Amino acid sequence: MSKEQKRLKVIPLGGLEEIGKNITVFEYEDDIIIVDCGMSFPEDEMLGVDLVIPDISYLTKNKEKVRAIILTHGHEDHIGAIPYVLKDLNVPVYGTKLTLGLVKHKLDEHEMTSDAILYEIKSGDILNLGCFSVEIIRSTHSIADSVALAIHTPVGVVLHTSDFKIDFTPIEGEPMDLARIAELGRKGILLLLCDSTNVEREGYTMSEKTVGYTFESIFENARQRILVATFASNVHRVQQVINASVKFGRKVAICGRSMINVVSAAMDMGYLQIPDGVLIDIDDINKYAPEELAIITTGSQGEPMSALTRMAFSDHRKVEIVPGDLVIISANPIPGNEKLVSRVINELFKKGADVIYEALADIHVSGHACQEELKLIHCLAKPRFFVPVHGEYRHLKQHAILANSLGMPMENIFILSNGRVMELSPDKARVTGNVTSGNIMVDGLGVGDVGNIVLKDRKLLSQDGLLIIVISIDADSGNIVAGPDVISRGFVYVRESEDLMEEVKEKCRIALAKCDEKKKNNWDKKKIAIKETLRDFLYEKTKRKPMILPIIMEV
């Protein structure tokens, strides 16, 4: 095969038509690199599921080709699946200092740190991985140490922005390296993959520093205890809360497991500057007057087990919300979390707290680029082809329209979905097929053992309940020795439905009697007969369809 016929494959296994679970595969002949390895939170119908990770069966089939995983930043939707993926793919992981610090915490929890191969990278580094040369470009986002990637391939340069915003006054470090992106654009970029999260918002995303001014204004005028809920990974936001606390003479306590882990890691690596004597243990908060104290906590998304939610519902062991407390929720609800956040805000108000959330003050700015910033990246990069990433389908579509408005032909814009394979040569791009992709659900210690059938059963149980029929039958004669006994869970309260339960028992006897002699010892046929008889009868009586579980014991 000639060089002209060889093509680069770009395969997103997550992160498209969804927010979260970001993972993209770049493949050229015998070399594969993976960009990011994220998780997402379960949707409402995923009852009991803890988190969702991408299906990497395509990578496990081609594991001998995989050269490395490169992480762009330390958010959960970009690093959360690392412990699960490394169990199947023992490959090097590259990330910036803070990103790897957060990854190490995850690997520690899974007792995998000693087996992982981790390499620290910084802006300006170039990684040679098989036929790929990956250039690390400084970026800005809502977490420190974020990077974009210029992937130099045999067919051309691919620019992957990952999550970003153009912040000219970042809290820590330097602004995004737009000059390098412009230089690459002048030389020629074959493909741009660009963040689409805020494509529907006009203008520019505000600088993170604007939140600091709001915090200072609030802290200056507050005479009560202040609790600030934000994302644990938003180290810049935590720094600004600490800065305001120091300026106005408050001690700071940290609450929430993930917040404690991130603050500890960020302090150890120099990403958080906290003067001596400012940080106190959460156990010591009662030693200080309310006006001398600030608490930084998790729970900005109303997560049921988070610290702020437990405080709101008087279920936290160490912090109790009291009348007069000032609670600042410094985050936007992630789509789907609006009800959870509203519920927590309502409970906080009922406790007598004052609550400030984004609708009332500028206490949050996004970490994602708005339209004018996206336009700037497109104009600097001048790519031949474009794939919008990181967003639901409507975001991807709007980003495609935006790129087209800047002069890119629609035939050069590809709206992909997870698992679709895009192939590129120096002058041509096309979608050629699919690979296996999807959701792997993590429930407790189980990975992938909960699928659609289990979820369907859980949904049925949650909606209409369960009815268990226990019958003892003589092994020789097939006659009923004991029962039927009926156990109802989540269907009806037995004591108040005694007549219905008696009818259920009678229907079971009739169903068994109808089974002919040949089926005398065919327990499966008898169970099916009971289920079918009761299903129709119960729906006629109650308009409900409980799960029916016949148990036949042979005596």
Protein backbone atom coordinates (compact mmCIF):
# COMPACT_ATOMS: atom_id res chain seq x y z
CA MET A 1 0.00 0.00 0.00
CA SER A 2 1.44 3.39 -0.96
CA LYS A 3 1.85 6.18 1.57
CA GLU A 4 -0.92 8.16 -0.13
CA GLN A 5 -3.39 5.34 0.56
CA LYS A 6 -2.60 5.06 4.27
CA ARG A 7 -5.06 6.93 6.44
CA LEU A 8 -5.30 8.28 9.95
CA LYS A 9 -8.30 6.96 11.90
CA VAL A 10 -10.00 9.22 14.46
CA ILE A 11 -12.43 7.27 16.66
CA PRO A 12 -14.34 8.91 19.52
CA LEU A 13 -15.39 6.26 22.06
CA GLY A 14 -17.10 8.80 24.33
CA GLY A 15 -17.82 12.50 24.76
CA LEU A 16 -20.00 13.02 21.69
CA GLU A 17 -23.78 13.58 21.98
CA GLU A 18 -23.18 13.70 25.75
CA ILE A 19 -21.41 15.76 28.40
CA GLY A 20 -18.76 13.54 29.96
CA LYS A 21 -17.00 10.21 29.33
CA ASN A 22 -14.44 11.84 27.00
CA ILE A 23 -12.08 9.47 25.20
CA THR A 24 -10.76 9.72 21.64
CA VAL A 25 -8.61 7.22 19.74
CA PHE A 26 -6.07 8.17 17.06
CA GLU A 27 -4.85 5.23 14.97
CA TYR A 28 -2.36 5.02 12.11
CA GLU A 29 -1.38 1.56 10.93
CA ASP A 30 0.19 -0.19 13.96
CA ASP A 31 0.10 2.77 16.36
CA ILE A 32 -2.74 3.97 18.61
CA ILE A 33 -2.75 6.84 21.09
CA ILE A 34 -5.67 7.67 23.39
CA VAL A 35 -6.59 11.22 24.41
CA ASP A 36 -8.37 11.40 27.79
CA CYS A 37 -10.16 8.64 29.64
CA GLY A 38 -13.23 10.01 31.41
CA MET A 39 -16.37 8.89 33.18
CA SER A 40 -19.88 10.31 33.34
CA PHE A 41 -22.56 10.32 35.99
CA PRO A 42 -25.53 7.96 35.60
CA GLU A 43 -28.76 9.19 34.03
CA ASP A 44 -32.02 9.06 35.98
CA GLU A 45 -33.06 5.72 34.51
CA MET A 46 -29.76 4.07 35.52
CA LEU A 47 -31.12 3.11 38.93
CA GLY A 48 -28.46 2.25 41.51
CA VAL A 49 -25.54 2.82 39.11
CA ASP A 50 -22.60 4.74 40.60
CA LEU A 51 -20.85 5.92 37.45
CA VAL A 52 -20.51 5.20 33.73
CA ILE A 53 -17.27 4.51 31.85
CA PRO A 54 -16.66 4.01 28.11
CA ASP A 55 -16.67 0.63 26.41
CA ILE A 56 -13.03 0.07 25.37
CA SER A 57 -13.45 -3.37 23.79
CA TYR A 58 -12.01 -1.98 20.51
CA LEU A 59 -8.85 -1.00 22.39
CA THR A 60 -8.52 -4.31 24.23
CA LYS A 61 -8.74 -6.12 20.87
CA ASN A 62 -5.91 -3.90 19.60
CA LYS A 63 -3.96 -3.55 22.86
CA GLU A 64 -0.62 -4.37 21.20
CA LYS A 65 -1.00 -1.18 19.13
CA VAL A 66 -1.74 1.17 22.04
CA ARG A 67 1.28 3.37 22.81
CA ALA A 68 -0.08 5.68 25.54
CA ILE A 69 -2.95 7.58 27.14
CA ILE A 70 -2.51 11.38 27.17
CA LEU A 71 -4.62 13.37 29.64
CA THR A 72 -5.46 17.01 28.91
CA HIS A 73 -6.58 17.99 32.44
CA GLY A 74 -7.78 16.61 35.75
CA HIS A 75 -11.59 16.77 35.56
CA GLU A 76 -13.54 13.57 36.23
CA ASP A 77 -15.01 13.50 32.72
CA HIS A 78 -11.43 13.26 31.40
CA ILE A 79 -9.63 11.07 34.00
CA GLY A 80 -12.39 9.25 35.92
CA ALA A 81 -12.17 5.95 34.00
CA ILE A 82 -8.37 5.62 34.27
CA PRO A 83 -8.36 3.00 37.10
CA TYR A 84 -10.83 0.80 35.21
CA VAL A 85 -9.13 1.14 31.81
CA LEU A 86 -5.61 0.47 33.16
CA LYS A 87 -6.82 -2.91 34.44
CA ASP A 88 -7.27 -3.93 30.79
CA LEU A 89 -4.60 -1.75 29.13
CA ASN A 90 -1.24 -1.61 30.89
CA VAL A 91 0.08 1.42 28.98
CA PRO A 92 1.92 4.62 29.98
CA VAL A 93 -0.20 7.60 31.07
CA TYR A 94 1.00 11.14 30.35
CA GLY A 95 -0.37 14.18 32.17
CA THR A 96 0.61 17.48 33.73
CA LYS A 97 1.69 17.69 37.37
CA LEU A 98 -1.73 18.42 38.92
CA THR A 99 -3.52 16.01 36.57
CA LEU A 100 -1.25 13.13 37.58
CA GLY A 101 -1.58 14.12 41.24
CA LEU A 102 -5.36 13.64 40.98
CA VAL A 103 -4.89 10.39 39.02
CA LYS A 104 -2.62 9.03 41.76
CA HIS A 105 -5.36 9.62 44.35
CA LYS A 106 -7.72 7.53 42.19
CA LEU A 107 -5.17 4.77 41.70
CA ASP A 108 -4.47 4.71 45.45
CA GLU A 109 -8.17 4.06 46.11
CA HIS A 110 -8.01 1.12 43.69
CA GLU A 111 -4.63 -0.06 45.10
CA MET A 112 -3.06 0.27 41.64
CA THR A 113 -0.43 3.00 42.09
CA SER A 114 2.54 0.62 42.08
CA ASP A 115 1.52 -0.91 38.72
CA ALA A 116 0.78 2.35 36.86
CA ILE A 117 3.33 3.92 34.48
CA LEU A 118 2.90 7.68 34.87
CA TYR A 119 4.93 10.35 33.07
CA GLU A 120 4.71 14.04 33.93
CA ILE A 121 4.51 16.49 31.02
CA LYS A 122 4.47 20.27 30.71
CA SER A 123 3.64 22.85 28.06
CA GLY A 124 6.11 22.81 25.19
CA ASP A 125 6.99 19.12 25.58
CA ILE A 126 6.89 16.83 22.54
CA LEU A 127 6.04 13.15 23.02
CA ASN A 128 7.22 10.67 20.39
CA LEU A 129 4.79 7.76 20.47
CA GLY A 130 5.18 5.41 17.53
CA CYS A 131 4.46 7.37 14.36
CA PHE A 132 2.82 10.17 16.38
CA SER A 133 4.56 13.26 17.68
CA VAL A 134 2.35 14.95 20.28
CA GLU A 135 3.01 18.59 21.14
CA ILE A 136 1.73 19.89 24.49
CA ILE A 137 0.21 23.39 24.22
CA ARG A 138 -0.60 25.59 27.24
CA SER A 139 -4.34 26.15 27.71
CA THR A 140 -6.70 27.71 30.26
CA HIS A 141 -9.75 26.07 31.81
CA SER A 142 -11.49 25.90 35.21
CA ILE A 143 -8.70 23.68 36.55
CA ALA A 144 -4.98 24.39 36.64
CA ASP A 145 -2.50 22.61 34.35
CA SER A 146 -4.87 22.21 31.38
CA VAL A 147 -3.37 21.60 27.95
CA ALA A 148 -4.36 21.33 24.32
CA LEU A 149 -2.64 18.86 21.98
CA ALA A 150 -1.15 19.24 18.50
CA ILE A 151 -0.86 15.68 17.21
CA HIS A 152 1.63 15.49 14.33
CA THR A 153 0.74 12.46 12.20
CA PRO A 154 2.04 11.11 8.86
CA VAL A 155 -0.97 12.69 7.09
CA GLY A 156 -0.99 16.09 8.84
CA VAL A 157 -1.50 17.92 12.12
CA VAL A 158 -4.54 17.37 14.33
CA LEU A 159 -5.30 20.09 16.92
CA HIS A 160 -7.35 18.87 19.90
CA THR A 161 -8.33 21.82 22.12
CA SER A 162 -9.96 19.65 24.80
CA ASP A 163 -11.93 21.80 27.31
CA PHE A 164 -10.80 25.41 27.29
CA LYS A 165 -11.66 29.07 27.58
CA ILE A 166 -9.50 32.03 26.62
CA ASP A 167 -8.69 33.67 29.96
CA PHE A 168 -6.13 36.46 29.68
CA THR A 169 -5.93 36.88 33.47
CA PRO A 170 -5.80 33.33 34.83
CA ILE A 171 -5.44 32.83 38.58
CA GLU A 172 -2.34 30.70 38.13
CA GLY A 173 0.12 30.40 35.24
CA GLU A 174 0.10 32.06 31.86
CA PRO A 175 -2.72 32.56 29.33
CA MET A 176 -3.47 30.06 26.58
CA ASP A 177 -0.68 29.83 23.98
CA LEU A 178 -2.61 31.34 21.08
CA ALA A 179 0.64 32.25 19.32
CA ARG A 180 1.57 28.57 18.92
CA ILE A 181 -1.90 27.73 17.61
CA ALA A 182 -1.60 30.57 15.09
CA GLU A 183 1.85 29.32 14.02
CA LEU A 184 0.49 25.81 13.49
CA GLY A 185 -2.43 27.33 11.57
CA ARG A 186 -0.05 29.13 9.21
CA LYS A 187 1.83 25.90 8.53
CA GLY A 188 -1.43 24.01 8.02
CA ILE A 189 -3.74 22.08 10.36
CA LEU A 190 -5.51 19.11 8.81
CA LEU A 191 -8.18 18.57 11.49
CA LEU A 192 -9.52 20.57 14.43
CA LEU A 193 -11.39 18.94 17.31
CA CYS A 194 -12.86 21.71 19.46
CA ASP A 195 -14.88 22.06 22.70
CA SER A 196 -18.59 22.74 22.01
CA THR A 197 -20.06 23.05 25.52
CA ASN A 198 -20.78 26.81 25.44
CA VAL A 199 -21.32 27.25 21.70
CA GLU A 200 -24.89 28.47 22.36
CA ARG A 201 -23.62 31.41 24.44
CA GLU A 202 -22.77 34.66 22.68
CA GLY A 203 -19.73 36.78 23.50
CA TYR A 204 -16.87 35.77 25.78
CA THR A 205 -16.60 33.73 28.97
CA MET A 206 -15.69 35.97 31.90
CA SER A 207 -12.27 35.62 33.52
CA GLU A 208 -12.04 33.53 36.68
CA LYS A 209 -10.74 36.67 38.45
CA THR A 210 -14.20 38.29 38.26
CA VAL A 211 -15.45 35.67 40.74
CA GLY A 212 -12.72 36.74 43.15
CA TYR A 213 -14.03 40.34 43.16
CA THR A 214 -17.53 39.05 43.97
CA PHE A 215 -16.19 36.88 46.81
CA GLU A 216 -14.34 39.85 48.30
CA SER A 217 -17.49 41.97 48.20
CA ILE A 218 -19.53 39.24 49.92
CA PHE A 219 -16.87 38.47 52.55
CA GLU A 220 -16.35 42.15 53.35
CA ASN A 221 -20.01 42.67 54.24
CA ALA A 222 -20.77 39.30 55.86
CA ARG A 223 -21.05 39.04 59.64
CA GLN A 224 -21.95 35.37 59.79
CA ARG A 225 -20.34 32.02 59.04
CA ILE A 226 -19.76 31.48 55.32
CA LEU A 227 -19.97 28.11 53.53
CA VAL A 228 -18.84 27.95 49.89
CA ALA A 229 -19.78 24.93 47.75
CA THR A 230 -17.87 24.43 44.51
CA PHE A 231 -16.30 21.70 42.37
CA ALA A 232 -13.44 20.05 44.24
CA SER A 233 -11.28 20.16 41.12
CA ASN A 234 -11.68 23.94 40.68
CA VAL A 235 -8.46 24.79 42.48
CA HIS A 236 -8.58 28.38 41.21
CA ARG A 237 -11.99 28.90 42.83
CA VAL A 238 -10.78 27.40 46.11
CA GLN A 239 -7.76 29.74 46.00
CA GLN A 240 -10.03 32.76 45.61
CA VAL A 241 -12.17 31.72 48.58
CA ILE A 242 -8.99 31.37 50.63
CA ASN A 243 -7.73 34.77 49.41
CA ALA A 244 -10.99 36.46 50.48
CA SER A 245 -10.88 34.64 53.83
CA VAL A 246 -7.31 35.77 54.50
CA LYS A 247 -8.12 39.37 53.52
CA PHE A 248 -11.03 39.57 55.96
CA GLY A 249 -9.56 37.55 58.81
CA ARG A 250 -11.37 34.21 58.52
CA LYS A 251 -10.08 30.74 59.25
CA VAL A 252 -10.83 28.11 56.57
CA ALA A 253 -12.04 24.52 57.07
CA ILE A 254 -12.29 21.97 54.24
CA CYS A 255 -15.23 19.56 54.10
CA GLY A 256 -16.01 16.65 51.76
CA ARG A 257 -13.72 13.72 50.87
CA SER A 258 -12.99 14.78 47.28
CA MET A 259 -12.39 18.40 48.36
CA ILE A 260 -9.93 17.27 51.06
CA ASN A 261 -8.10 15.04 48.54
CA VAL A 262 -7.79 17.77 45.89
CA VAL A 263 -6.79 20.52 48.34
CA SER A 264 -4.17 18.22 49.86
CA ALA A 265 -2.75 17.31 46.44
CA ALA A 266 -2.83 20.93 45.20
CA MET A 267 -1.03 22.18 48.34
CA ASP A 268 1.65 19.48 48.08
CA MET A 269 2.34 20.44 44.45
CA GLY A 270 2.26 24.19 45.01
CA TYR A 271 -1.00 24.94 43.18
CA LEU A 272 -2.68 26.31 46.32
CA GLN A 273 -1.09 29.06 48.38
CA ILE A 274 -2.44 29.05 51.94
CA PRO A 275 -0.69 31.12 54.64
CA ASP A 276 0.24 29.31 57.85
CA GLY A 277 -2.49 29.28 60.49
CA VAL A 278 -5.38 29.86 58.05
CA LEU A 279 -6.39 26.23 57.50
CA ILE A 280 -8.08 24.54 60.47
CA ASP A 281 -9.47 21.05 61.04
CA ILE A 282 -13.22 20.64 60.52
CA ASP A 283 -13.39 19.28 64.10
CA ASP A 284 -12.26 22.67 65.43
CA ILE A 285 -14.90 24.90 63.82
CA ASN A 286 -16.83 25.32 67.09
CA LYS A 287 -13.80 27.04 68.64
CA TYR A 288 -14.33 30.10 66.43
CA ALA A 289 -17.04 32.75 66.22
CA PRO A 290 -19.20 32.56 63.09
CA GLU A 291 -17.70 35.78 61.64
CA GLU A 292 -14.21 34.24 61.93
CA LEU A 293 -14.95 31.15 59.87
CA ALA A 294 -15.34 30.01 56.24
CA ILE A 295 -16.00 26.41 55.18
CA ILE A 296 -15.22 25.16 51.66
CA THR A 297 -17.31 22.11 50.80
CA THR A 298 -18.38 19.75 48.05
CA GLY A 299 -22.01 19.47 46.95
CA SER A 300 -22.50 22.26 44.42
CA GLN A 301 -24.44 19.81 42.21
CA GLY A 302 -26.82 18.63 44.95
CA GLU A 303 -25.34 15.12 44.89
CA PRO A 304 -27.27 13.03 47.46
CA MET A 305 -24.17 11.88 49.40
CA SER A 306 -22.21 15.13 49.17
CA ALA A 307 -21.29 17.19 52.24
CA LEU A 308 -23.56 20.17 51.50
CA THR A 309 -26.60 17.97 50.85
CA ARG A 310 -26.05 16.12 54.12
CA MET A 311 -25.71 19.45 55.94
CA ALA A 312 -28.95 20.70 54.37
CA PHE A 313 -30.82 17.60 55.56
CA SER A 314 -29.19 17.54 59.04
CA ASP A 315 -27.31 14.36 58.19
CA HIS A 316 -23.74 15.63 58.49
CA ARG A 317 -21.76 14.52 61.54
CA LYS A 318 -19.61 17.62 61.92
CA VAL A 319 -21.40 20.63 60.40
CA GLU A 320 -24.94 21.74 61.11
CA ILE A 321 -26.61 24.58 59.23
CA VAL A 322 -27.90 27.19 61.66
CA PRO A 323 -30.06 30.28 61.08
CA GLY A 324 -27.94 33.13 59.76
CA ASP A 325 -25.37 30.97 57.93
CA LEU A 326 -24.42 32.30 54.49
CA VAL A 327 -24.16 29.55 51.87
CA ILE A 328 -22.60 30.38 48.48
CA ILE A 329 -23.15 27.82 45.71
CA SER A 330 -20.36 28.70 43.30
CA ALA A 331 -21.22 26.49 40.33
CA ASN A 332 -23.80 26.05 37.60
CA PRO A 333 -26.01 22.95 37.74
CA ILE A 334 -24.82 20.38 35.22
CA PRO A 335 -27.73 19.58 32.84
CA GLY A 336 -29.94 17.06 34.66
CA ASN A 337 -28.91 18.19 38.15
CA GLU A 338 -31.20 21.22 38.35
CA LYS A 339 -33.79 19.47 40.57
CA LEU A 340 -31.15 18.20 42.97
CA VAL A 341 -29.64 21.67 43.35
CA SER A 342 -33.06 23.31 43.83
CA ARG A 343 -33.93 20.75 46.49
CA VAL A 344 -30.76 21.56 48.46
CA ILE A 345 -31.29 25.33 48.13
CA ASN A 346 -34.86 24.98 49.41
CA GLU A 347 -33.71 22.95 52.44
CA LEU A 348 -30.98 25.48 53.23
CA PHE A 349 -33.52 28.30 53.19
CA LYS A 350 -35.81 26.25 55.47
CA LYS A 351 -32.92 25.92 57.93
CA GLY A 352 -32.74 29.72 58.09
CA ALA A 353 -29.60 30.11 55.99
CA ASP A 354 -29.06 32.85 53.43
CA VAL A 355 -28.20 31.28 50.08
CA ILE A 356 -26.42 32.96 47.18
CA TYR A 357 -26.43 31.10 43.88
CA GLU A 358 -25.64 32.09 40.32
CA ALA A 359 -29.07 33.56 39.63
CA LEU A 360 -28.43 36.13 42.40
CA ALA A 361 -24.74 37.06 41.97
CA ASP A 362 -21.68 36.58 39.74
CA ILE A 363 -20.27 33.77 41.86
CA HIS A 364 -19.52 31.40 39.00
CA VAL A 365 -17.96 31.62 35.57
CA SER A 366 -17.78 28.79 33.10
CA GLY A 367 -14.58 27.01 32.16
CA HIS A 368 -15.69 26.68 28.54
CA ALA A 369 -15.32 29.03 25.59
CA CYS A 370 -18.26 31.06 24.27
CA GLN A 371 -18.90 31.90 20.61
CA GLU A 372 -16.32 34.67 20.14
CA GLU A 373 -13.54 32.57 21.68
CA LEU A 374 -14.48 29.61 19.48
CA LYS A 375 -14.40 31.87 16.44
CA LEU A 376 -10.89 33.03 17.40
CA ILE A 377 -9.60 29.45 17.62
CA HIS A 378 -11.13 28.61 14.23
CA CYS A 379 -9.60 31.71 12.63
CA LEU A 380 -6.15 31.04 14.12
CA ALA A 381 -6.13 27.32 13.34
CA LYS A 382 -7.64 27.56 9.83
CA PRO A 383 -8.19 23.77 9.71
CA ARG A 384 -9.03 21.88 6.53
CA PHE A 385 -11.51 19.64 8.35
CA PHE A 386 -13.45 20.10 11.60
CA VAL A 387 -15.08 17.82 14.17
CA PRO A 388 -17.01 19.47 17.04
CA VAL A 389 -16.54 17.54 20.31
CA HIS A 390 -17.56 17.66 23.96
CA GLY A 391 -21.28 18.31 23.82
CA GLU A 392 -24.77 17.01 23.28
CA TYR A 393 -25.95 16.74 19.68
CA ARG A 394 -27.43 20.25 19.72
CA HIS A 395 -24.05 21.68 20.79
CA LEU A 396 -22.24 19.78 18.04
CA LYS A 397 -24.76 20.97 15.46
CA GLN A 398 -24.53 24.62 16.56
CA HIS A 399 -20.74 24.43 16.47
CA ALA A 400 -20.90 23.05 12.93
CA ILE A 401 -23.13 26.00 11.94
CA LEU A 402 -20.68 28.43 13.58
CA ALA A 403 -17.74 26.92 11.66
CA ASN A 404 -19.70 27.15 8.43
CA SER A 405 -20.48 30.84 9.13
CA LEU A 406 -16.71 31.43 9.25
CA GLY A 407 -16.32 30.07 5.74
CA MET A 408 -15.68 26.35 6.23
CA PRO A 409 -17.62 24.24 3.67
CA MET A 410 -20.23 21.97 5.27
CA GLU A 411 -18.73 18.97 3.46
CA ASN A 412 -15.54 19.49 5.49
CA ILE A 413 -17.43 19.45 8.81
CA PHE A 414 -18.17 16.08 10.40
CA ILE A 415 -20.65 15.62 13.26
CA LEU A 416 -19.59 12.24 14.59
CA SER A 417 -21.16 10.00 17.21
CA ASN A 418 -19.39 7.65 19.61
CA GLY A 419 -17.92 4.67 17.79
CA ARG A 420 -17.91 6.25 14.32
CA VAL A 421 -14.61 5.93 12.45
CA MET A 422 -13.31 8.97 10.57
CA GLU A 423 -10.45 8.36 8.14
CA LEU A 424 -8.17 11.14 6.91
CA SER A 425 -5.59 11.43 4.16
CA PRO A 426 -3.75 14.71 3.46
CA ASP A 427 -6.56 15.91 1.18
CA LYS A 428 -9.61 13.84 2.01
CA ALA A 429 -11.77 12.91 5.01
CA ARG A 430 -14.65 10.48 5.24
CA VAL A 431 -16.61 8.40 7.75
CA THR A 432 -16.04 4.74 6.99
CA GLY A 433 -17.81 2.67 9.63
CA ASN A 434 -18.27 1.87 13.30
CA VAL A 435 -16.46 0.18 16.13
CA THR A 436 -17.94 -1.10 19.39
CA SER A 437 -18.72 1.72 21.81
CA GLY A 438 -21.21 2.45 24.55
CA ASN A 439 -21.68 2.60 28.29
CA ILE A 440 -20.14 0.27 30.87
CA MET A 441 -21.92 0.76 34.18
CA VAL A 442 -20.09 0.61 37.50
CA ASP A 443 -22.25 -0.44 40.44
CA GLY A 444 -20.38 -0.92 43.70
CA LEU A 445 -17.47 -3.24 42.95
CA GLY A 446 -19.17 -4.60 39.83
CA VAL A 447 -17.92 -3.30 36.48
CA GLY A 448 -20.10 -4.17 33.50
CA ASP A 449 -22.27 -6.69 35.34
CA VAL A 450 -25.23 -4.31 35.21
CA GLY A 451 -26.71 -4.04 31.73
CA ASN A 452 -29.97 -3.08 30.08
CA ILE A 453 -31.79 -6.21 31.29
CA VAL A 454 -30.82 -5.54 34.92
CA LEU A 455 -31.80 -1.86 34.59
CA LYS A 456 -35.13 -2.88 33.05
CA ASP A 457 -35.77 -5.14 36.06
CA ARG A 458 -34.81 -2.37 38.49
CA LYS A 459 -37.14 0.04 36.72
CA LEU A 460 -39.99 -2.47 36.86
CA LEU A 461 -39.34 -3.11 40.56
CA SER A 462 -39.27 0.63 41.29
CA GLN A 463 -42.53 1.24 39.45
CA ASP A 464 -44.78 -1.75 40.21
CA GLY A 465 -42.98 -3.80 42.85
CA LEU A 466 -42.48 -7.52 43.33
CA LEU A 467 -44.77 -10.45 44.11
CA ILE A 468 -43.20 -13.72 45.30
CA ILE A 469 -45.26 -16.93 45.24
CA VAL A 470 -43.90 -19.80 47.36
CA ILE A 471 -45.38 -23.28 46.86
CA SER A 472 -44.27 -26.71 48.16
CA ILE A 473 -45.21 -29.62 45.88
CA ASP A 474 -45.01 -33.40 46.43
CA ALA A 475 -42.32 -34.79 44.11
CA ASP A 476 -44.24 -38.00 43.34
CA SER A 477 -47.86 -36.89 43.04
CA GLY A 478 -47.36 -33.25 41.98
CA ASN A 479 -49.92 -32.19 44.59
CA ILE A 480 -49.58 -28.99 46.62
CA VAL A 481 -48.24 -29.79 50.10
CA ALA A 482 -47.96 -26.22 51.44
CA GLY A 483 -48.87 -22.77 50.14
CA PRO A 484 -49.28 -20.89 48.01
CA ASP A 485 -47.76 -18.19 50.26
CA VAL A 486 -47.66 -14.68 48.82
CA ILE A 487 -44.98 -12.08 49.66
CA SER A 488 -45.53 -8.57 48.35
CA ARG A 489 -42.76 -5.92 48.16
CA GLY A 490 -43.56 -2.54 46.67
CA PHE A 491 -46.80 -3.81 45.10
CA VAL A 492 -49.56 -3.70 47.72
CA TYR A 493 -49.66 -3.77 51.53
CA VAL A 494 -50.76 -7.36 52.23
CA ARG A 495 -52.83 -6.64 55.36
CA GLU A 496 -54.95 -4.10 53.52
CA SER A 497 -55.36 -6.32 50.45
CA GLU A 498 -56.24 -9.66 52.02
CA ASP A 499 -59.07 -10.34 49.56
CA LEU A 500 -56.77 -9.73 46.60
CA MET A 501 -54.10 -12.02 48.10
CA GLU A 502 -56.64 -14.81 48.57
CA GLU A 503 -57.67 -14.46 44.93
CA VAL A 504 -54.01 -14.61 43.91
CA LYS A 505 -53.58 -17.88 45.83
CA GLU A 506 -56.69 -19.35 44.20
CA LYS A 507 -55.47 -18.36 40.72
CA CYS A 508 -52.16 -20.13 41.47
CA ARG A 509 -53.98 -23.34 42.45
CA ILE A 510 -56.10 -23.21 39.30
CA ALA A 511 -53.02 -22.58 37.10
CA LEU A 512 -51.24 -25.60 38.60
CA ALA A 513 -54.32 -27.81 38.28
CA LYS A 514 -54.50 -26.99 34.56
CA CYS A 515 -50.98 -28.32 34.02
CA ASP A 516 -51.51 -31.85 32.58
CA GLU A 517 -49.93 -35.05 33.87
CA LYS A 518 -46.99 -34.80 31.44
CA LYS A 519 -46.02 -31.52 33.06
CA LYS A 520 -46.34 -32.95 36.57
CA ASN A 521 -42.59 -32.62 37.31
CA ASN A 522 -41.84 -29.84 34.82
CA TRP A 523 -41.32 -27.03 37.28
CA ASP A 524 -40.43 -24.46 34.59
CA LYS A 525 -43.75 -25.01 32.83
CA LYS A 526 -45.59 -24.68 36.13
CA LYS A 527 -43.79 -21.39 36.91
CA ILE A 528 -44.64 -20.02 33.46
CA ALA A 529 -48.30 -20.99 33.96
CA ILE A 530 -48.41 -19.16 37.31
CA LYS A 531 -46.72 -16.04 35.89
CA GLU A 532 -48.98 -15.81 32.87
CA THR A 533 -52.16 -16.37 34.89
CA LEU A 534 -51.24 -13.83 37.57
CA ARG A 535 -49.92 -11.23 35.13
CA ASP A 536 -53.25 -10.93 33.34
CA PHE A 537 -55.29 -11.19 36.55
CA LEU A 538 -53.31 -8.53 38.45
CA TYR A 539 -53.32 -6.09 35.55
CA GLU A 540 -57.10 -6.49 35.25
CA LYS A 541 -57.51 -5.91 39.01
CA THR A 542 -54.92 -3.19 39.66
CA LYS A 543 -53.69 -1.88 36.27
CA ARG A 544 -50.18 -2.65 37.56
CA LYS A 545 -47.53 -5.08 36.33
CA PRO A 546 -45.43 -6.24 39.29
CA MET A 547 -42.51 -8.58 38.77
CA ILE A 548 -43.84 -12.09 39.58
CA LEU A 549 -41.37 -14.57 41.02
CA PRO A 550 -42.79 -18.11 41.56
CA ILE A 551 -40.69 -20.37 43.84
CA ILE A 552 -41.62 -24.06 43.70
CA MET A 553 -40.02 -26.36 46.27
CA GLU A 554 -40.00 -30.12 45.79
CA VAL A 555 -40.68 -32.19 48.92
